[in-house]
């Protein structure tokens, strides 16, 4: 049994996977407040699945890129629960999780990183063609053109619309957050996983002029 969670993007999402079947899942859209939402939602999906936490064998958690605050919330909760249950905790990249449900073919997972940047990773039949990267929109456009080579493709994620004009024939899926079932499937298939570490693709924004907080994106 795998409990998977994503708090990196604009939702607090959890799923329970057992024997390749999703036993329960829930996703609450939110930009903030993941810390207060994750534990009650975990209890709710475990109750819906008809399981006790002691039935779990593994925990999957998204490690970024995404919100600095959300990323830390998810990792802290997953590591704490994993330590309490003495089970492994597996890290899953948000870009891989966005691409996973789309199956075979060419997929560009794109997250709007703000400040004119996106987080980008390309996949072909589920295999990564590049490492996750933080690039400006123009550079992302060049990468997409180079890797697509005119093939049909899917643009998935909150930044998909930023590249849509470059690929008018592409399918656009503006997913604001990861499917927690995808996180669970990716976590379940990892062998000998290392302890999860946050994936930071750029330094945190400090504060904008005047003291206002900058975008909370990792």
C-alpha atoms as a PDB file:
ATOM      1  CA  UNK A   1       0.000   0.000   0.000  1.00  0.00           C
ATOM      2  CA  UNK A   2       1.274   3.435  -0.969  1.00  0.00           C
ATOM      3  CA  UNK A   3       0.103   6.791   0.360  1.00  0.00           C
ATOM      4  CA  UNK A   4       1.084   9.599  -2.017  1.00  0.00           C
ATOM      5  CA  UNK A   5       0.820  13.338  -1.524  1.00  0.00           C
ATOM      6  CA  UNK A   6       1.453  16.528  -3.463  1.00  0.00           C
ATOM      7  CA  UNK A   7       1.600  19.937  -1.812  1.00  0.00           C
ATOM      8  CA  UNK A   8       4.050  21.554  -4.254  1.00  0.00           C
ATOM      9  CA  UNK A   9       1.534  23.227  -6.544  1.00  0.00           C
ATOM     10  CA  UNK A  10      -1.947  24.750  -6.275  1.00  0.00           C
ATOM     11  CA  UNK A  11      -3.664  21.915  -4.428  1.00  0.00           C
ATOM     12  CA  UNK A  12      -3.321  19.594  -1.486  1.00  0.00           C
ATOM     13  CA  UNK A  13      -3.722  16.154  -3.044  1.00  0.00           C
ATOM     14  CA  UNK A  14      -3.426  12.631  -1.663  1.00  0.00           C
ATOM     15  CA  UNK A  15      -4.099   9.123  -2.952  1.00  0.00           C
ATOM     16  CA  UNK A  16      -3.865   5.559  -1.661  1.00  0.00           C
ATOM     17  CA  UNK A  17      -2.690   2.879  -4.093  1.00  0.00           C
ATOM     18  CA  UNK A  18      -2.823  -0.846  -3.470  1.00  0.00           C
ATOM     19  CA  UNK A  19      -2.184  -3.667  -5.903  1.00  0.00           C
ATOM     20  CA  UNK A  20      -2.117  -1.215  -8.790  1.00  0.00           C
ATOM     21  CA  UNK A  21      -5.575   0.098  -7.908  1.00  0.00           C
ATOM     22  CA  UNK A  22      -6.389   3.534  -6.531  1.00  0.00           C
ATOM     23  CA  UNK A  23      -8.223   2.837  -3.281  1.00  0.00           C
ATOM     24  CA  UNK A  24      -9.026   6.474  -2.489  1.00  0.00           C
ATOM     25  CA  UNK A  25      -7.945   9.961  -3.484  1.00  0.00           C
ATOM     26  CA  UNK A  26      -8.785  13.593  -2.807  1.00  0.00           C
ATOM     27  CA  UNK A  27      -7.578  16.954  -4.054  1.00  0.00           C
ATOM     28  CA  UNK A  28      -8.416  20.350  -2.553  1.00  0.00           C
ATOM     29  CA  UNK A  29      -7.382  23.381  -4.660  1.00  0.00           C
ATOM     30  CA  UNK A  30      -5.373  25.882  -2.635  1.00  0.00           C
ATOM     31  CA  UNK A  31      -2.443  28.218  -3.086  1.00  0.00           C
ATOM     32  CA  UNK A  32      -1.723  28.411   0.646  1.00  0.00           C
ATOM     33  CA  UNK A  33      -2.691  26.500   3.757  1.00  0.00           C
ATOM     34  CA  UNK A  34      -1.239  23.100   2.843  1.00  0.00           C
ATOM     35  CA  UNK A  35       0.206  22.678   6.326  1.00  0.00           C
ATOM     36  CA  UNK A  36      -3.237  22.776   7.944  1.00  0.00           C
ATOM     37  CA  UNK A  37      -4.885  20.640   5.259  1.00  0.00           C
ATOM     38  CA  UNK A  38      -2.501  17.732   4.681  1.00  0.00           C
ATOM     39  CA  UNK A  39      -2.960  15.721   7.904  1.00  0.00           C
ATOM     40  CA  UNK A  40      -6.793  15.816   7.954  1.00  0.00           C
ATOM     41  CA  UNK A  41      -6.876  14.946   4.253  1.00  0.00           C
ATOM     42  CA  UNK A  42      -4.508  12.022   4.816  1.00  0.00           C
ATOM     43  CA  UNK A  43      -6.805  10.718   7.542  1.00  0.00           C
ATOM     44  CA  UNK A  44      -9.795  11.110   5.234  1.00  0.00           C
ATOM     45  CA  UNK A  45      -8.304   9.166   2.302  1.00  0.00           C
ATOM     46  CA  UNK A  46      -7.064   6.389   4.584  1.00  0.00           C
ATOM     47  CA  UNK A  47     -10.520   6.121   6.123  1.00  0.00           C
ATOM     48  CA  UNK A  48     -12.123   6.030   2.665  1.00  0.00           C
ATOM     49  CA  UNK A  49      -9.672   3.317   1.605  1.00  0.00           C
ATOM     50  CA  UNK A  50     -10.629   1.295   4.677  1.00  0.00           C
ATOM     51  CA  UNK A  51      -7.037   1.153   5.883  1.00  0.00           C
ATOM     52  CA  UNK A  52      -5.029   1.986   8.964  1.00  0.00           C
ATOM     53  CA  UNK A  53      -1.784   3.902   8.622  1.00  0.00           C
ATOM     54  CA  UNK A  54      -0.017   0.766   9.841  1.00  0.00           C
ATOM     55  CA  UNK A  55      -1.131  -0.948   6.595  1.00  0.00           C
ATOM     56  CA  UNK A  56       1.073   1.357   4.536  1.00  0.00           C
ATOM     57  CA  UNK A  57       4.298   0.032   3.014  1.00  0.00           C
ATOM     58  CA  UNK A  58       5.581   3.195   1.340  1.00  0.00           C
ATOM     59  CA  UNK A  59       4.927   6.931   1.120  1.00  0.00           C
ATOM     60  CA  UNK A  60       5.384   8.956  -2.063  1.00  0.00           C
ATOM     61  CA  UNK A  61       5.779  12.725  -1.992  1.00  0.00           C
ATOM     62  CA  UNK A  62       6.424  15.355  -4.637  1.00  0.00           C
ATOM     63  CA  UNK A  63       9.792  17.066  -4.251  1.00  0.00           C
ATOM     64  CA  UNK A  64       9.420  19.979  -6.694  1.00  0.00           C
ATOM     65  CA  UNK A  65       9.797  22.108  -8.559  1.00  0.00           C
ATOM     66  CA  UNK A  66       6.973  24.213  -7.170  1.00  0.00           C
ATOM     67  CA  UNK A  67       6.202  26.319  -4.141  1.00  0.00           C
ATOM     68  CA  UNK A  68       9.043  26.508  -1.605  1.00  0.00           C
ATOM     69  CA  UNK A  69       6.561  26.488   1.269  1.00  0.00           C
ATOM     70  CA  UNK A  70       4.363  23.732  -0.115  1.00  0.00           C
ATOM     71  CA  UNK A  71       7.358  21.566  -0.983  1.00  0.00           C
ATOM     72  CA  UNK A  72       8.684  21.777   2.572  1.00  0.00           C
ATOM     73  CA  UNK A  73       5.254  21.031   4.056  1.00  0.00           C
ATOM     74  CA  UNK A  74       4.854  17.860   2.018  1.00  0.00           C
ATOM     75  CA  UNK A  75       8.365  16.601   2.688  1.00  0.00           C
ATOM     76  CA  UNK A  76       8.120  17.251   6.417  1.00  0.00           C
ATOM     77  CA  UNK A  77       4.783  15.455   6.692  1.00  0.00           C
ATOM     78  CA  UNK A  78       5.922  12.483   4.575  1.00  0.00           C
ATOM     79  CA  UNK A  79       9.223  12.089   6.400  1.00  0.00           C
ATOM     80  CA  UNK A  80       7.571  12.365   9.797  1.00  0.00           C
ATOM     81  CA  UNK A  81       4.940   9.767   8.929  1.00  0.00           C
ATOM     82  CA  UNK A  82       7.501   7.480   7.330  1.00  0.00           C
ATOM     83  CA  UNK A  83       9.702   7.650  10.419  1.00  0.00           C
ATOM     84  CA  UNK A  84       6.758   6.924  12.709  1.00  0.00           C
ATOM     85  CA  UNK A  85       5.747   3.894  10.632  1.00  0.00           C
ATOM     86  CA  UNK A  86       9.326   2.784   9.798  1.00  0.00           C
ATOM     87  CA  UNK A  87       8.559   2.659   6.071  1.00  0.00           C
ATOM     88  CA  UNK A  88      10.405   4.198   3.100  1.00  0.00           C
ATOM     89  CA  UNK A  89       9.558   7.637   1.749  1.00  0.00           C
ATOM     90  CA  UNK A  90       9.992   8.094  -2.003  1.00  0.00           C
ATOM     91  CA  UNK A  91      10.447  11.406  -3.802  1.00  0.00           C
ATOM     92  CA  UNK A  92       8.654  12.091  -7.115  1.00  0.00           C
ATOM     93  CA  UNK A  93       9.260  15.121  -9.337  1.00  0.00           C
ATOM     94  CA  UNK A  94       6.225  17.269 -10.040  1.00  0.00           C
ATOM     95  CA  UNK A  95       7.015  17.445 -13.765  1.00  0.00           C
ATOM     96  CA  UNK A  96       7.192  13.650 -13.997  1.00  0.00           C
ATOM     97  CA  UNK A  97       3.894  13.388 -12.121  1.00  0.00           C
ATOM     98  CA  UNK A  98       2.222  15.851 -14.513  1.00  0.00           C
ATOM     99  CA  UNK A  99       3.359  13.776 -17.495  1.00  0.00           C
ATOM    100  CA  UNK A 100       2.647  10.291 -16.099  1.00  0.00           C
ATOM    101  CA  UNK A 101      -1.137  10.078 -16.705  1.00  0.00           C
ATOM    102  CA  UNK A 102      -0.740  11.024 -20.369  1.00  0.00           C
ATOM    103  CA  UNK A 103       0.723   7.694 -21.395  1.00  0.00           C
ATOM    104  CA  UNK A 104       2.768   7.102 -24.559  1.00  0.00           C
ATOM    105  CA  UNK A 105       3.828   9.868 -26.888  1.00  0.00           C
ATOM    106  CA  UNK A 106       5.653  13.158 -26.527  1.00  0.00           C
ATOM    107  CA  UNK A 107       4.775  15.218 -23.439  1.00  0.00           C
ATOM    108  CA  UNK A 108       6.153  18.557 -22.302  1.00  0.00           C
ATOM    109  CA  UNK A 109       5.424  19.157 -18.625  1.00  0.00           C
ATOM    110  CA  UNK A 110       5.462  22.919 -18.009  1.00  0.00           C
ATOM    111  CA  UNK A 111       4.927  24.794 -14.738  1.00  0.00           C
ATOM    112  CA  UNK A 112       4.549  28.566 -14.684  1.00  0.00           C
ATOM    113  CA  UNK A 113       7.464  29.667 -12.477  1.00  0.00           C
ATOM    114  CA  UNK A 114       6.530  33.366 -12.802  1.00  0.00           C
ATOM    115  CA  UNK A 115       8.977  36.196 -13.525  1.00  0.00           C
ATOM    116  CA  UNK A 116       8.909  35.177 -17.205  1.00  0.00           C
ATOM    117  CA  UNK A 117      10.178  31.668 -16.466  1.00  0.00           C
ATOM    118  CA  UNK A 118       8.829  28.128 -16.637  1.00  0.00           C
ATOM    119  CA  UNK A 119       9.924  24.799 -15.237  1.00  0.00           C
ATOM    120  CA  UNK A 120      10.203  22.406 -18.155  1.00  0.00           C
ATOM    121  CA  UNK A 121      10.809  18.706 -18.718  1.00  0.00           C
ATOM    122  CA  UNK A 122      10.156  16.627 -21.845  1.00  0.00           C
ATOM    123  CA  UNK A 123       9.121  12.972 -21.883  1.00  0.00           C
ATOM    124  CA  UNK A 124       8.780  10.427 -24.683  1.00  0.00           C
ATOM    125  CA  UNK A 125       6.675   7.368 -23.840  1.00  0.00           C
ATOM    126  CA  UNK A 126       7.215   8.129 -20.163  1.00  0.00           C
ATOM    127  CA  UNK A 127      11.005   8.403 -20.422  1.00  0.00           C
ATOM    128  CA  UNK A 128      12.617  11.780 -19.692  1.00  0.00           C
ATOM    129  CA  UNK A 129      14.368  13.429 -22.629  1.00  0.00           C
ATOM    130  CA  UNK A 130      15.955  16.092 -20.423  1.00  0.00           C
ATOM    131  CA  UNK A 131      16.461  16.925 -16.779  1.00  0.00           C
ATOM    132  CA  UNK A 132      14.016  19.333 -15.125  1.00  0.00           C
ATOM    133  CA  UNK A 133      15.095  22.896 -15.836  1.00  0.00           C
ATOM    134  CA  UNK A 134      14.121  26.492 -15.041  1.00  0.00           C
ATOM    135  CA  UNK A 135      14.288  28.574 -18.223  1.00  0.00           C
ATOM    136  CA  UNK A 136      12.797  31.731 -19.655  1.00  0.00           C
ATOM    137  CA  UNK A 137       9.863  31.333 -22.012  1.00  0.00           C
ATOM    138  CA  UNK A 138      11.975  32.008 -25.128  1.00  0.00           C
ATOM    139  CA  UNK A 139      14.465  29.293 -24.177  1.00  0.00           C
ATOM    140  CA  UNK A 140      11.635  26.906 -23.380  1.00  0.00           C
ATOM    141  CA  UNK A 141      10.171  27.599 -26.825  1.00  0.00           C
ATOM    142  CA  UNK A 142      13.478  26.720 -28.458  1.00  0.00           C
ATOM    143  CA  UNK A 143      13.723  23.482 -26.454  1.00  0.00           C
ATOM    144  CA  UNK A 144      10.195  22.484 -27.382  1.00  0.00           C
ATOM    145  CA  UNK A 145      10.829  23.170 -31.081  1.00  0.00           C
ATOM    146  CA  UNK A 146      14.077  21.198 -31.012  1.00  0.00           C
ATOM    147  CA  UNK A 147      12.713  18.172 -29.185  1.00  0.00           C
ATOM    148  CA  UNK A 148       9.335  17.974 -30.913  1.00  0.00           C
ATOM    149  CA  UNK A 149      10.656  18.026 -34.460  1.00  0.00           C
ATOM    150  CA  UNK A 150       7.115  18.523 -35.747  1.00  0.00           C
ATOM    151  CA  UNK A 151       5.688  15.507 -33.912  1.00  0.00           C
ATOM    152  CA  UNK A 152       2.330  15.569 -32.162  1.00  0.00           C
ATOM    153  CA  UNK A 153       2.740  16.471 -28.516  1.00  0.00           C
ATOM    154  CA  UNK A 154       0.945  17.349 -25.301  1.00  0.00           C
ATOM    155  CA  UNK A 155       1.698  20.443 -23.235  1.00  0.00           C
ATOM    156  CA  UNK A 156       0.681  19.760 -19.631  1.00  0.00           C
ATOM    157  CA  UNK A 157       0.741  21.949 -16.534  1.00  0.00           C
ATOM    158  CA  UNK A 158       0.110  25.492 -15.412  1.00  0.00           C
ATOM    159  CA  UNK A 159       2.657  26.848 -17.911  1.00  0.00           C
ATOM    160  CA  UNK A 160       1.285  25.005 -20.935  1.00  0.00           C
ATOM    161  CA  UNK A 161      -0.650  28.019 -22.182  1.00  0.00           C
ATOM    162  CA  UNK A 162       2.581  30.064 -22.261  1.00  0.00           C
ATOM    163  CA  UNK A 163       3.913  27.784 -25.005  1.00  0.00           C
ATOM    164  CA  UNK A 164       0.651  27.000 -26.752  1.00  0.00           C
ATOM    165  CA  UNK A 165       1.196  29.460 -29.605  1.00  0.00           C
ATOM    166  CA  UNK A 166       4.373  27.622 -30.587  1.00  0.00           C
ATOM    167  CA  UNK A 167       2.548  24.335 -31.069  1.00  0.00           C
ATOM    168  CA  UNK A 168      -0.935  25.091 -32.416  1.00  0.00           C
ATOM    169  CA  UNK A 169      -1.580  21.388 -33.027  1.00  0.00           C
ATOM    170  CA  UNK A 170      -0.543  20.303 -29.537  1.00  0.00           C
ATOM    171  CA  UNK A 171      -3.045  19.172 -26.947  1.00  0.00           C
ATOM    172  CA  UNK A 172      -3.108  21.634 -24.034  1.00  0.00           C
ATOM    173  CA  UNK A 173      -3.822  20.441 -20.495  1.00  0.00           C
ATOM    174  CA  UNK A 174      -3.588  23.306 -17.992  1.00  0.00           C
ATOM    175  CA  UNK A 175      -3.377  21.097 -14.907  1.00  0.00           C
ATOM    176  CA  UNK A 176      -2.872  23.328 -11.838  1.00  0.00           C
ATOM    177  CA  UNK A 177      -1.507  20.441  -9.755  1.00  0.00           C
ATOM    178  CA  UNK A 178      -0.381  16.831  -9.935  1.00  0.00           C
ATOM    179  CA  UNK A 179      -2.724  13.864  -9.971  1.00  0.00           C
ATOM    180  CA  UNK A 180      -1.914  12.151  -6.641  1.00  0.00           C
ATOM    181  CA  UNK A 181      -2.622   8.759  -8.223  1.00  0.00           C
ATOM    182  CA  UNK A 182       0.221   9.468 -10.664  1.00  0.00           C
ATOM    183  CA  UNK A 183       2.505  10.306  -7.733  1.00  0.00           C
ATOM    184  CA  UNK A 184       1.523   7.001  -6.108  1.00  0.00           C
ATOM    185  CA  UNK A 185       2.179   4.975  -9.273  1.00  0.00           C
ATOM    186  CA  UNK A 186       5.590   6.554  -9.772  1.00  0.00           C
ATOM    187  CA  UNK A 187       6.486   6.033  -6.115  1.00  0.00           C
ATOM    188  CA  UNK A 188       5.374   2.398  -6.221  1.00  0.00           C
ATOM    189  CA  UNK A 189       7.643   1.540  -9.157  1.00  0.00           C
ATOM    190  CA  UNK A 190      10.880   2.939  -7.719  1.00  0.00           C
ATOM    191  CA  UNK A 191      13.401   0.318  -6.605  1.00  0.00           C
ATOM    192  CA  UNK A 192      15.920   0.996  -3.837  1.00  0.00           C
ATOM    193  CA  UNK A 193      14.814   4.630  -3.503  1.00  0.00           C
ATOM    194  CA  UNK A 194      17.123   7.123  -1.834  1.00  0.00           C
ATOM    195  CA  UNK A 195      15.679   9.415   0.851  1.00  0.00           C
ATOM    196  CA  UNK A 196      13.791  12.256  -0.862  1.00  0.00           C
ATOM    197  CA  UNK A 197      15.500  15.597  -1.293  1.00  0.00           C
ATOM    198  CA  UNK A 198      13.874  18.842  -2.421  1.00  0.00           C
ATOM    199  CA  UNK A 199      14.406  19.748  -6.071  1.00  0.00           C
ATOM    200  CA  UNK A 200      15.248  23.442  -6.122  1.00  0.00           C
ATOM    201  CA  UNK A 201      15.778  24.793  -9.637  1.00  0.00           C
ATOM    202  CA  UNK A 202      16.369  28.380  -8.550  1.00  0.00           C
ATOM    203  CA  UNK A 203      17.058  30.330  -5.390  1.00  0.00           C
ATOM    204  CA  UNK A 204      14.054  31.531  -3.377  1.00  0.00           C
ATOM    205  CA  UNK A 205      12.803  35.022  -4.022  1.00  0.00           C
ATOM    206  CA  UNK A 206      13.550  37.262  -1.064  1.00  0.00           C
ATOM    207  CA  UNK A 207      11.222  40.260  -0.966  1.00  0.00           C
ATOM    208  CA  UNK A 208      10.011  42.646  -3.591  1.00  0.00           C
ATOM    209  CA  UNK A 209      10.725  46.392  -3.311  1.00  0.00           C
ATOM    210  CA  UNK A 210       8.621  47.860  -0.520  1.00  0.00           C
ATOM    211  CA  UNK A 211       8.792  44.686   1.545  1.00  0.00           C
ATOM    212  CA  UNK A 212       6.102  42.671  -0.240  1.00  0.00           C
ATOM    213  CA  UNK A 213       6.889  38.952  -0.469  1.00  0.00           C
ATOM    214  CA  UNK A 214       8.021  37.659  -3.852  1.00  0.00           C
ATOM    215  CA  UNK A 215       6.671  34.585  -5.664  1.00  0.00           C
ATOM    216  CA  UNK A 216       7.058  31.443  -3.545  1.00  0.00           C
ATOM    217  CA  UNK A 217       8.369  29.188  -6.298  1.00  0.00           C
ATOM    218  CA  UNK A 218      11.303  26.766  -6.037  1.00  0.00           C
END
